[in-house]
Amino acid sequence: MLIGEVSRRSGVSARMLRHYESLGLVRPSGRTGSGYREYSAEDIRRIFHIESLRSLGLSLREIGRALDDPGFTPSTLVGDLIRQTRDRIAAETELLTQLRRIHAADPVGWEDVLQIVALLQALGSKSADARQRAVLSAGDEVPVEALVEAALSETEPNVAGALRWALARSDDSAQALLAEGLSSPLAAVRERAVQALVEMPGDEATAQLRDALANPDAVVRGHAALALGTRGVADTVPALIDMIMEGRNDTDAADALSVLASDTATADQIATRLVDHLADDTTKAPARGRLTQALADIPGTTASRALVELSHDEDRAVALTAAHLLRLRNAR
């Protein structure tokens, strides 16, 4: 078979076939009487083998070794190809992400594009000061997606605070992106996500925090409960009392309960729940002490009656705490 027909059947150009021949990858088995290259069925099969290996990303030199070296083992080479491909995909994905962010910023001209690129590079700087300056000076130029990604990965407290400040002034799309961070497999990312949501105003952020009350991560639930409590969301009462029971940010949880207790009906609900836990035989002494202390800023007769009874409690620490709180209450 002549080179033109081989080219048509294989899809490999005549020029490339000559290049393969110059490298010794495939040599026509014969020549016609006129001196034209003539390929045998075995030659054509080798061409297809070369093309198959090229499709895996092997270089022509590596293909030559694979086809001609009897001792060649492909496992190491294939492993290298896997690593190279992963690196290439990661780089291409990062580039695609950056291009999407630039596109989302809707730049008017190349000056805008260059400014956005500079800000994105600054956000990825190894210098915490550079990252913080980029956030504080960016205004609306940095795409929200980039701010969220930076906030979820930032470990420096000052930079993290600046990022949360910027997100609180961004559009509503940030809240949905942060909510996705609440399901991250990394605990630190989940905590950063809820901390950012806590500082965001509006009904959408409140709704996301309500959903976070059911999060399996106790730290996420705690941050959400404290924030919602200070926003006057009565649904957080059980979560806040659980925090007091467990000794997790119990002082902050008690403060949030006192905010919610400004509503009379909610105050009675809180006092009743606290008393129920105090009366539970399974509640341990440290928790009973914290629950008693939490009654301090809960107004109403239910809390007052509970403190009177607790002032005679068998647990001396609880009794003393209740008696002290009663004196303070009566002195108001």
Protein backbone atom coordinates (compact mmCIF):
# COMPACT_ATOMS: atom_id res chain seq x y z
CA MET A 1 0.00 0.00 0.00
CA LEU A 2 1.42 3.38 -1.01
CA ILE A 3 1.84 6.29 1.39
CA GLY A 4 -1.14 8.24 0.02
CA GLU A 5 -3.55 5.39 0.59
CA VAL A 6 -2.07 4.66 4.03
CA SER A 7 -2.59 8.30 4.93
CA ARG A 8 -6.22 8.20 3.83
CA ARG A 9 -6.99 4.99 5.71
CA SER A 10 -5.11 5.80 8.90
CA GLY A 11 -5.86 9.52 9.16
CA VAL A 12 -2.15 10.21 9.61
CA SER A 13 -0.78 12.77 7.17
CA ALA A 14 1.90 11.74 4.67
CA ARG A 15 4.17 14.35 6.21
CA MET A 16 3.78 12.75 9.67
CA LEU A 17 4.38 9.29 8.20
CA ARG A 18 7.65 10.53 6.77
CA HIS A 19 8.51 12.01 10.17
CA TYR A 20 7.84 8.66 11.84
CA GLU A 21 10.15 7.07 9.30
CA SER A 22 12.92 9.62 9.97
CA LEU A 23 12.69 8.76 13.69
CA GLY A 24 12.77 5.04 13.01
CA LEU A 25 9.30 4.50 14.46
CA VAL A 26 7.90 2.85 11.36
CA ARG A 27 9.67 2.00 8.12
CA PRO A 28 7.91 0.87 4.95
CA SER A 29 8.71 -2.77 4.37
CA GLY A 30 9.23 -2.35 0.66
CA ARG A 31 9.54 -0.12 -2.35
CA THR A 32 7.78 -0.24 -5.67
CA GLY A 33 9.68 -0.56 -8.91
CA SER A 34 9.44 3.20 -9.21
CA GLY A 35 10.96 3.65 -5.73
CA TYR A 36 7.76 4.61 -3.90
CA ARG A 37 7.30 3.58 -0.26
CA GLU A 38 5.14 0.51 0.11
CA TYR A 39 3.60 -0.36 3.49
CA SER A 40 2.70 -3.88 4.54
CA ALA A 41 -0.23 -4.87 6.75
CA GLU A 42 2.23 -5.15 9.68
CA ASP A 43 3.53 -1.62 8.98
CA ILE A 44 -0.02 -0.25 9.04
CA ARG A 45 -0.76 -2.11 12.29
CA ARG A 46 2.34 -0.45 13.84
CA ILE A 47 1.10 2.97 12.70
CA PHE A 48 -2.18 2.38 14.52
CA HIS A 49 -0.22 1.29 17.63
CA ILE A 50 1.77 4.54 17.48
CA GLU A 51 -1.39 6.62 17.21
CA SER A 52 -3.00 4.76 20.12
CA LEU A 53 -0.01 5.45 22.37
CA ARG A 54 0.10 9.09 21.24
CA SER A 55 -3.54 9.44 22.36
CA LEU A 56 -2.38 8.54 25.90
CA GLY A 57 0.05 11.46 25.90
CA LEU A 58 3.28 9.53 25.30
CA SER A 59 6.06 11.29 23.47
CA LEU A 60 7.38 9.78 20.22
CA ARG A 61 10.57 8.74 22.03
CA GLU A 62 8.53 6.96 24.72
CA ILE A 63 6.46 5.27 22.01
CA GLY A 64 9.62 3.98 20.35
CA ARG A 65 10.78 2.47 23.63
CA ALA A 66 7.36 0.96 24.32
CA LEU A 67 7.23 -0.74 20.91
CA ASP A 68 10.85 -1.83 20.53
CA ASP A 69 12.22 -2.54 24.02
CA PRO A 70 11.23 -6.08 25.11
CA GLY A 71 12.07 -5.24 28.73
CA PHE A 72 9.96 -2.10 28.82
CA THR A 73 7.30 -2.07 31.57
CA PRO A 74 4.49 0.45 31.18
CA SER A 75 3.41 0.78 34.82
CA THR A 76 5.92 3.51 35.81
CA LEU A 77 5.35 5.49 32.63
CA VAL A 78 1.57 5.27 32.96
CA GLY A 79 1.86 6.41 36.59
CA ASP A 80 3.87 9.43 35.46
CA LEU A 81 1.27 10.18 32.81
CA ILE A 82 -1.49 10.09 35.44
CA ARG A 83 0.37 12.58 37.64
CA GLN A 84 1.13 14.86 34.69
CA THR A 85 -2.50 14.75 33.58
CA ARG A 86 -3.75 15.58 37.08
CA ASP A 87 -1.38 18.53 37.27
CA ARG A 88 -2.48 19.74 33.86
CA ILE A 89 -6.16 19.42 34.77
CA ALA A 90 -5.58 21.32 38.04
CA ALA A 91 -3.80 24.11 36.18
CA GLU A 92 -6.50 24.29 33.51
CA THR A 93 -9.23 24.28 36.15
CA GLU A 94 -7.54 27.13 38.00
CA LEU A 95 -7.26 29.09 34.77
CA LEU A 96 -10.93 28.44 33.95
CA THR A 97 -11.96 29.62 37.40
CA GLN A 98 -9.96 32.81 37.02
CA LEU A 99 -11.43 33.49 33.57
CA ARG A 100 -14.95 32.96 34.89
CA ARG A 101 -14.32 35.39 37.72
CA ILE A 102 -13.01 38.02 35.34
CA HIS A 103 -16.03 37.47 33.10
CA ALA A 104 -18.40 37.76 36.09
CA ALA A 105 -16.90 41.15 36.95
CA ASP A 106 -18.04 42.37 33.50
CA PRO A 107 -14.90 44.37 32.68
CA VAL A 108 -15.35 47.27 30.26
CA GLY A 109 -11.80 47.37 28.95
CA TRP A 110 -8.42 45.74 29.29
CA GLU A 111 -7.50 48.09 32.14
CA ASP A 112 -10.39 46.60 34.12
CA VAL A 113 -9.22 43.08 33.27
CA LEU A 114 -5.68 43.83 34.41
CA GLN A 115 -6.95 45.39 37.64
CA ILE A 116 -9.08 42.34 38.42
CA VAL A 117 -6.16 40.00 37.67
CA ALA A 118 -3.93 42.03 40.00
CA LEU A 119 -6.51 41.85 42.79
CA LEU A 120 -6.98 38.10 42.36
CA GLN A 121 -3.22 37.59 42.47
CA ALA A 122 -3.00 39.71 45.62
CA LEU A 123 -5.70 37.61 47.27
CA GLY A 124 -3.52 34.57 46.65
CA SER A 125 -0.35 36.22 47.95
CA LYS A 126 1.72 34.50 50.63
CA SER A 127 1.85 37.82 52.49
CA ALA A 128 -1.04 38.32 54.93
CA ASP A 129 -0.56 42.09 54.72
CA ALA A 130 -0.85 41.98 50.92
CA ARG A 131 -4.02 39.90 51.14
CA GLN A 132 -5.56 42.26 53.66
CA ARG A 133 -4.69 45.35 51.62
CA ALA A 134 -6.21 43.73 48.53
CA VAL A 135 -9.50 43.06 50.35
CA LEU A 136 -9.75 46.51 51.91
CA SER A 137 -8.88 48.38 48.72
CA ALA A 138 -10.85 46.25 46.27
CA GLY A 139 -14.29 47.80 46.51
CA ASP A 140 -16.67 45.96 44.17
CA GLU A 141 -13.97 44.85 41.73
CA VAL A 142 -13.29 41.44 43.25
CA PRO A 143 -15.84 38.80 42.16
CA VAL A 144 -17.92 37.48 45.07
CA GLU A 145 -16.90 33.90 44.29
CA ALA A 146 -13.25 34.83 44.79
CA LEU A 147 -14.01 36.55 48.10
CA VAL A 148 -15.90 33.49 49.35
CA GLU A 149 -13.11 31.10 48.34
CA ALA A 150 -10.56 33.33 50.07
CA ALA A 151 -12.71 33.58 53.21
CA LEU A 152 -13.12 29.82 53.43
CA SER A 153 -9.38 29.20 53.18
CA GLU A 154 -7.99 32.16 55.16
CA THR A 155 -6.19 31.28 58.41
CA GLU A 156 -4.87 34.73 59.39
CA PRO A 157 -7.46 36.33 61.76
CA ASN A 158 -7.01 39.91 60.55
CA VAL A 159 -7.34 38.94 56.89
CA ALA A 160 -10.30 36.69 57.69
CA GLY A 161 -12.01 39.60 59.42
CA ALA A 162 -11.44 41.86 56.42
CA LEU A 163 -12.87 39.20 54.11
CA ARG A 164 -15.99 38.81 56.25
CA TRP A 165 -16.37 42.60 56.25
CA ALA A 166 -16.17 42.64 52.45
CA LEU A 167 -18.63 39.77 52.11
CA ALA A 168 -21.13 41.51 54.40
CA ARG A 169 -21.18 44.34 51.85
CA SER A 170 -21.43 42.11 48.79
CA ASP A 171 -24.50 40.87 46.94
CA ASP A 172 -26.78 38.01 47.99
CA SER A 173 -24.94 35.41 45.90
CA ALA A 174 -22.29 35.26 48.63
CA GLN A 175 -24.75 33.77 51.10
CA ALA A 176 -25.58 30.80 48.89
CA LEU A 177 -21.88 30.15 48.25
CA LEU A 178 -21.11 30.32 51.97
CA ALA A 179 -23.97 27.93 52.67
CA GLU A 180 -22.25 25.40 50.41
CA GLY A 181 -19.19 25.73 52.64
CA LEU A 182 -21.26 24.47 55.59
CA SER A 183 -21.21 20.99 54.06
CA SER A 184 -17.45 20.92 53.50
CA PRO A 185 -15.67 17.77 54.75
CA LEU A 186 -13.20 20.09 56.54
CA ALA A 187 -14.29 21.34 59.96
CA ALA A 188 -12.23 24.54 59.65
CA VAL A 189 -13.96 25.44 56.38
CA ARG A 190 -17.40 24.82 57.89
CA GLU A 191 -16.57 27.11 60.81
CA ARG A 192 -15.27 29.88 58.52
CA ALA A 193 -18.43 29.62 56.43
CA VAL A 194 -20.78 30.01 59.38
CA GLN A 195 -18.66 32.82 60.86
CA ALA A 196 -19.00 34.73 57.60
CA LEU A 197 -22.76 34.12 57.46
CA VAL A 198 -23.10 35.38 61.02
CA GLU A 199 -21.81 38.79 59.96
CA MET A 200 -24.07 39.06 56.93
CA PRO A 201 -27.28 41.09 57.27
CA GLY A 202 -30.67 40.38 55.78
CA ASP A 203 -33.33 37.70 55.63
CA GLU A 204 -31.35 35.43 53.31
CA ALA A 205 -28.48 35.14 55.80
CA THR A 206 -30.98 34.50 58.61
CA ALA A 207 -32.58 31.73 56.55
CA GLN A 208 -29.18 30.12 55.91
CA LEU A 209 -28.38 30.28 59.63
CA ARG A 210 -31.73 28.66 60.46
CA ASP A 211 -30.78 25.77 58.19
CA ALA A 212 -27.40 25.60 59.94
CA LEU A 213 -29.17 24.79 63.22
CA ALA A 214 -29.63 21.28 61.83
CA ASN A 215 -25.99 20.94 60.76
CA PRO A 216 -24.29 17.81 62.16
CA ASP A 217 -21.30 19.95 63.23
CA ALA A 218 -21.87 21.21 66.80
CA VAL A 219 -19.56 24.18 66.21
CA VAL A 220 -21.63 25.29 63.21
CA ARG A 221 -24.86 24.86 65.17
CA GLY A 222 -23.41 26.89 68.03
CA HIS A 223 -22.37 29.86 65.90
CA ALA A 224 -25.75 29.82 64.14
CA ALA A 225 -27.69 29.63 67.41
CA LEU A 226 -25.79 32.52 68.99
CA ALA A 227 -26.29 34.73 65.93
CA LEU A 228 -29.97 33.90 65.57
CA GLY A 229 -30.55 34.38 69.28
CA THR A 230 -29.23 37.93 69.12
CA ARG A 231 -31.47 38.47 66.07
CA GLY A 232 -34.49 37.50 68.13
CA VAL A 233 -35.20 34.10 66.55
CA ALA A 234 -36.98 32.11 69.27
CA ASP A 235 -36.42 28.79 67.47
CA THR A 236 -32.86 28.84 68.78
CA VAL A 237 -33.87 28.37 72.45
CA PRO A 238 -33.35 24.55 72.48
CA ALA A 239 -29.96 24.85 70.78
CA LEU A 240 -28.82 27.60 73.17
CA ILE A 241 -29.87 25.56 76.21
CA ASP A 242 -28.01 22.55 74.80
CA MET A 243 -24.89 24.72 74.60
CA ILE A 244 -25.29 25.67 78.26
CA MET A 245 -25.80 22.02 79.20
CA GLU A 246 -22.66 20.99 77.32
CA GLY A 247 -20.55 23.94 78.48
CA ARG A 248 -19.91 25.18 74.91
CA ASN A 249 -19.83 28.98 74.85
CA ASP A 250 -22.34 28.76 77.68
CA THR A 251 -21.90 32.39 78.76
CA ASP A 252 -22.61 33.65 75.24
CA ALA A 253 -25.56 31.26 75.00
CA ALA A 254 -26.99 32.62 78.26
CA ASP A 255 -26.56 36.18 76.94
CA ALA A 256 -28.46 35.22 73.78
CA LEU A 257 -31.25 33.74 75.91
CA SER A 258 -31.50 36.99 77.85
CA VAL A 259 -31.98 38.86 74.56
CA LEU A 260 -34.77 36.48 73.55
CA ALA A 261 -36.32 36.79 77.03
CA SER A 262 -37.27 40.42 76.34
CA ASP A 263 -40.47 38.86 74.96
CA THR A 264 -42.64 37.74 77.90
CA ALA A 265 -43.95 34.57 76.29
CA THR A 266 -40.46 33.54 75.20
CA ALA A 267 -39.10 34.33 78.69
CA ASP A 268 -41.56 31.86 80.25
CA GLN A 269 -40.68 29.26 77.62
CA ILE A 270 -36.96 29.66 78.36
CA ALA A 271 -37.45 29.49 82.13
CA THR A 272 -39.64 26.38 81.82
CA ARG A 273 -37.05 24.59 79.67
CA LEU A 274 -34.23 25.50 82.06
CA VAL A 275 -36.26 24.25 85.04
CA ASP A 276 -37.10 21.00 83.24
CA HIS A 277 -33.41 20.30 82.65
CA LEU A 278 -32.58 21.18 86.25
CA ALA A 279 -35.19 18.69 87.48
CA ASP A 280 -33.88 15.91 85.23
CA ASP A 281 -32.01 13.34 87.32
CA THR A 282 -29.57 12.73 84.47
CA THR A 283 -28.36 16.34 84.44
CA LYS A 284 -24.92 16.43 86.05
CA ALA A 285 -23.80 18.92 88.68
CA PRO A 286 -21.68 21.20 86.43
CA ALA A 287 -24.55 21.52 83.96
CA ARG A 288 -27.03 22.26 86.78
CA GLY A 289 -24.77 25.08 87.93
CA ARG A 290 -24.66 26.61 84.45
CA LEU A 291 -28.43 26.24 84.02
CA THR A 292 -29.02 27.99 87.34
CA GLN A 293 -26.73 30.84 86.32
CA ALA A 294 -28.63 31.14 83.03
CA LEU A 295 -31.80 31.97 84.98
CA ALA A 296 -30.17 35.21 86.16
CA ASP A 297 -31.33 37.42 83.30
CA ILE A 298 -34.62 35.68 82.53
CA PRO A 299 -37.47 37.89 83.76
CA GLY A 300 -40.85 36.68 84.98
CA THR A 301 -42.39 34.69 87.80
CA THR A 302 -41.41 31.30 86.40
CA ALA A 303 -37.71 32.10 86.68
CA SER A 304 -38.18 33.75 90.10
CA ARG A 305 -40.03 30.75 91.54
CA ALA A 306 -37.38 28.44 90.16
CA LEU A 307 -34.61 30.42 91.86
CA VAL A 308 -36.48 30.33 95.19
CA GLU A 309 -36.70 26.54 95.00
CA LEU A 310 -33.11 26.22 93.85
CA SER A 311 -31.89 28.30 96.81
CA HIS A 312 -32.75 25.22 98.92
CA ASP A 313 -31.23 22.72 96.50
CA GLU A 314 -29.27 19.74 97.82
CA ASP A 315 -26.34 20.83 95.69
CA ARG A 316 -24.72 23.55 97.80
CA ALA A 317 -23.14 25.27 94.81
CA VAL A 318 -26.50 25.49 93.06
CA ALA A 319 -28.22 26.70 96.23
CA LEU A 320 -25.65 29.45 96.82
CA THR A 321 -25.81 30.57 93.18
CA ALA A 322 -29.62 30.72 93.27
CA ALA A 323 -29.64 32.64 96.57
CA HIS A 324 -27.15 35.16 95.19
CA LEU A 325 -29.18 35.64 92.03
CA LEU A 326 -32.34 36.15 94.08
CA ARG A 327 -30.66 38.91 96.09
CA LEU A 328 -29.57 40.64 92.91
CA ARG A 329 -33.06 40.21 91.47
CA ASN A 330 -34.73 41.71 94.52
CA ALA A 331 -32.30 44.61 94.58
CA ARG A 332 -33.33 45.80 91.10
